[in-house]
N, C-alpha and C. Protein backbone atom coordinates (compact mmCIF):
# COMPACT_ATOMS: atom_id res chain seq x y z
N MET A 1 0.85 -1.16 0.00
CA MET A 1 0.00 0.00 0.00
C MET A 1 0.91 1.24 0.00
N ASP A 2 0.58 2.19 -0.85
CA ASP A 2 1.33 3.44 -0.92
C ASP A 2 0.53 4.54 -0.24
N LEU A 3 1.17 5.19 0.74
CA LEU A 3 0.53 6.24 1.53
C LEU A 3 1.41 7.48 1.53
N LEU A 4 0.82 8.62 1.81
CA LEU A 4 1.56 9.86 1.99
C LEU A 4 1.53 10.19 3.48
N ILE A 5 2.69 10.16 4.13
CA ILE A 5 2.76 10.38 5.57
C ILE A 5 3.63 11.61 5.83
N ASN A 6 3.02 12.61 6.44
CA ASN A 6 3.71 13.87 6.72
C ASN A 6 4.39 14.42 5.47
N GLY A 7 3.67 14.33 4.36
CA GLY A 7 4.15 14.88 3.11
C GLY A 7 5.13 14.03 2.33
N ARG A 8 5.44 12.84 2.84
CA ARG A 8 6.41 11.97 2.17
C ARG A 8 5.75 10.66 1.76
N PRO A 9 6.01 10.22 0.53
CA PRO A 9 5.45 8.93 0.09
C PRO A 9 6.13 7.76 0.82
N ARG A 10 5.31 6.80 1.23
CA ARG A 10 5.82 5.59 1.89
C ARG A 10 5.05 4.40 1.35
N SER A 11 5.75 3.28 1.22
CA SER A 11 5.13 2.03 0.78
C SER A 11 5.16 1.02 1.93
N PHE A 12 4.06 0.29 2.08
CA PHE A 12 3.94 -0.70 3.14
C PHE A 12 3.46 -2.01 2.53
N LEU A 13 4.36 -2.96 2.40
CA LEU A 13 4.01 -4.25 1.83
C LEU A 13 3.08 -5.03 2.76
N GLU A 14 3.19 -4.77 4.07
CA GLU A 14 2.41 -5.52 5.05
C GLU A 14 0.97 -5.03 5.17
N LEU A 15 0.63 -3.91 4.55
CA LEU A 15 -0.73 -3.38 4.60
C LEU A 15 -1.44 -3.64 3.28
N GLY A 16 -2.70 -3.97 3.37
CA GLY A 16 -3.48 -4.23 2.16
C GLY A 16 -4.95 -3.97 2.42
N THR A 17 -5.78 -4.53 1.57
CA THR A 17 -7.22 -4.37 1.71
C THR A 17 -7.66 -4.79 3.11
N GLY A 18 -8.46 -3.96 3.73
CA GLY A 18 -8.95 -4.25 5.07
C GLY A 18 -8.08 -3.70 6.19
N SER A 19 -6.96 -3.06 5.84
CA SER A 19 -6.09 -2.49 6.87
C SER A 19 -6.74 -1.26 7.50
N THR A 20 -6.35 -0.99 8.72
CA THR A 20 -6.92 0.11 9.49
C THR A 20 -5.82 1.07 9.96
N VAL A 21 -6.24 2.17 10.53
CA VAL A 21 -5.29 3.12 11.11
C VAL A 21 -4.46 2.41 12.18
N GLN A 22 -5.06 1.54 12.97
CA GLN A 22 -4.32 0.79 13.99
C GLN A 22 -3.23 -0.06 13.35
N ASP A 23 -3.51 -0.67 12.22
CA ASP A 23 -2.50 -1.46 11.51
C ASP A 23 -1.34 -0.57 11.06
N LEU A 24 -1.65 0.64 10.61
CA LEU A 24 -0.60 1.58 10.21
C LEU A 24 0.26 1.97 11.40
N VAL A 25 -0.36 2.25 12.53
CA VAL A 25 0.38 2.60 13.75
C VAL A 25 1.33 1.46 14.11
N SER A 26 0.86 0.23 14.01
CA SER A 26 1.71 -0.93 14.29
C SER A 26 2.84 -1.06 13.28
N ALA A 27 2.54 -0.85 12.00
CA ALA A 27 3.56 -0.95 10.96
C ALA A 27 4.65 0.10 11.14
N LEU A 28 4.28 1.25 11.68
CA LEU A 28 5.25 2.33 11.92
C LEU A 28 5.94 2.19 13.28
N ALA A 29 5.54 1.19 14.07
CA ALA A 29 6.08 0.95 15.41
C ALA A 29 5.98 2.18 16.29
N LEU A 30 4.80 2.83 16.24
CA LEU A 30 4.56 4.02 17.05
C LEU A 30 3.93 3.63 18.39
N LYS A 31 4.24 4.42 19.42
CA LYS A 31 3.58 4.25 20.71
C LYS A 31 2.25 4.99 20.61
N SER A 32 1.17 4.25 20.66
CA SER A 32 -0.15 4.81 20.39
C SER A 32 -0.58 5.90 21.37
N ASP A 33 -0.01 5.91 22.56
CA ASP A 33 -0.40 6.93 23.53
C ASP A 33 0.36 8.24 23.34
N ARG A 34 1.23 8.30 22.32
CA ARG A 34 2.05 9.49 22.12
C ARG A 34 1.90 10.12 20.74
N VAL A 35 0.84 9.77 20.01
CA VAL A 35 0.65 10.34 18.68
C VAL A 35 -0.80 10.78 18.47
N ALA A 36 -0.96 11.73 17.58
CA ALA A 36 -2.28 12.13 17.07
C ALA A 36 -2.22 11.93 15.57
N ILE A 37 -3.33 11.48 14.99
CA ILE A 37 -3.34 11.14 13.56
C ILE A 37 -4.47 11.86 12.83
N GLU A 38 -4.07 12.50 11.74
CA GLU A 38 -5.03 13.09 10.80
C GLU A 38 -5.03 12.22 9.55
N HIS A 39 -6.20 11.82 9.13
CA HIS A 39 -6.37 10.92 7.97
C HIS A 39 -7.22 11.63 6.93
N ASN A 40 -6.62 11.92 5.79
CA ASN A 40 -7.32 12.61 4.70
C ASN A 40 -8.02 13.88 5.17
N GLY A 41 -7.35 14.63 6.05
CA GLY A 41 -7.86 15.93 6.47
C GLY A 41 -8.69 15.94 7.73
N GLY A 42 -8.96 14.78 8.31
CA GLY A 42 -9.77 14.72 9.54
C GLY A 42 -9.04 13.99 10.65
N ILE A 43 -9.17 14.49 11.87
CA ILE A 43 -8.55 13.83 13.02
C ILE A 43 -9.28 12.52 13.29
N VAL A 44 -8.50 11.47 13.57
CA VAL A 44 -9.08 10.16 13.91
C VAL A 44 -8.88 9.96 15.41
N ALA A 45 -9.97 9.87 16.14
CA ALA A 45 -9.90 9.62 17.58
C ALA A 45 -9.30 8.23 17.83
N ARG A 46 -8.48 8.12 18.85
CA ARG A 46 -7.81 6.86 19.16
C ARG A 46 -8.77 5.66 19.24
N PRO A 47 -9.96 5.79 19.86
CA PRO A 47 -10.86 4.63 19.89
C PRO A 47 -11.33 4.17 18.50
N ALA A 48 -11.23 5.04 17.51
CA ALA A 48 -11.68 4.69 16.16
C ALA A 48 -10.58 4.09 15.30
N TRP A 49 -9.35 4.07 15.77
CA TRP A 49 -8.25 3.53 14.97
C TRP A 49 -8.50 2.10 14.48
N PRO A 50 -8.99 1.19 15.33
CA PRO A 50 -9.17 -0.19 14.86
C PRO A 50 -10.27 -0.37 13.82
N THR A 51 -11.16 0.61 13.69
CA THR A 51 -12.27 0.46 12.75
C THR A 51 -12.21 1.45 11.58
N THR A 52 -11.19 2.30 11.56
CA THR A 52 -11.06 3.27 10.47
C THR A 52 -10.18 2.66 9.38
N GLY A 53 -10.81 2.33 8.26
CA GLY A 53 -10.10 1.71 7.16
C GLY A 53 -9.20 2.70 6.43
N ILE A 54 -8.14 2.16 5.84
CA ILE A 54 -7.24 2.97 5.04
C ILE A 54 -7.15 2.37 3.64
N ALA A 55 -6.76 3.21 2.67
CA ALA A 55 -6.69 2.75 1.29
C ALA A 55 -5.45 3.32 0.61
N ASP A 56 -5.04 2.68 -0.44
CA ASP A 56 -3.90 3.13 -1.23
C ASP A 56 -4.09 4.59 -1.61
N GLY A 57 -3.06 5.41 -1.39
CA GLY A 57 -3.11 6.82 -1.74
C GLY A 57 -3.60 7.74 -0.64
N ASP A 58 -4.02 7.19 0.50
CA ASP A 58 -4.49 8.03 1.60
C ASP A 58 -3.36 8.91 2.12
N LYS A 59 -3.76 10.05 2.73
CA LYS A 59 -2.81 11.02 3.27
C LYS A 59 -2.95 11.09 4.78
N PHE A 60 -1.80 11.08 5.45
CA PHE A 60 -1.76 11.13 6.91
C PHE A 60 -0.81 12.22 7.39
N GLU A 61 -1.19 12.86 8.46
CA GLU A 61 -0.30 13.72 9.22
C GLU A 61 -0.25 13.09 10.60
N ILE A 62 0.95 12.79 11.06
CA ILE A 62 1.12 12.14 12.35
C ILE A 62 2.00 13.03 13.21
N VAL A 63 1.47 13.40 14.37
CA VAL A 63 2.18 14.27 15.29
C VAL A 63 2.56 13.47 16.53
N HIS A 64 3.84 13.56 16.91
CA HIS A 64 4.35 12.89 18.10
C HIS A 64 4.39 13.87 19.25
N PHE A 65 3.90 13.44 20.40
CA PHE A 65 3.97 14.26 21.61
C PHE A 65 5.29 13.98 22.30
N VAL A 66 5.94 15.04 22.74
CA VAL A 66 7.22 14.92 23.41
C VAL A 66 7.12 15.58 24.78
N GLY A 67 7.51 14.85 25.80
CA GLY A 67 7.49 15.40 27.16
C GLY A 67 8.82 16.04 27.50
N GLY A 68 8.83 16.74 28.55
CA GLY A 68 10.08 17.35 28.98
C GLY A 68 9.83 18.67 29.68
N GLY A 69 10.89 19.37 29.90
CA GLY A 69 10.80 20.65 30.57
C GLY A 69 11.79 20.70 31.71
N SER A 70 11.71 21.75 32.47
CA SER A 70 12.64 21.88 33.59
C SER A 70 11.90 21.80 34.92
N ALA A 71 12.64 21.48 35.92
CA ALA A 71 12.04 21.32 37.25
C ALA A 71 11.79 22.65 37.91
């Protein structure tokens, strides 16, 4: 499956028909509690990841949350 992620084309041999946003998160080895995902222009709530289907050519913006700061 060919996807556009954060403006860059990526191919995923392990994803195919019936794949979901959750499958993409797993394929990217992301920690699900530290990312927000926009799929084709709309935010996908974390509870919807397992049921939100993806297709060849879809566009994603993935934002990673980073902790830190000073004491």
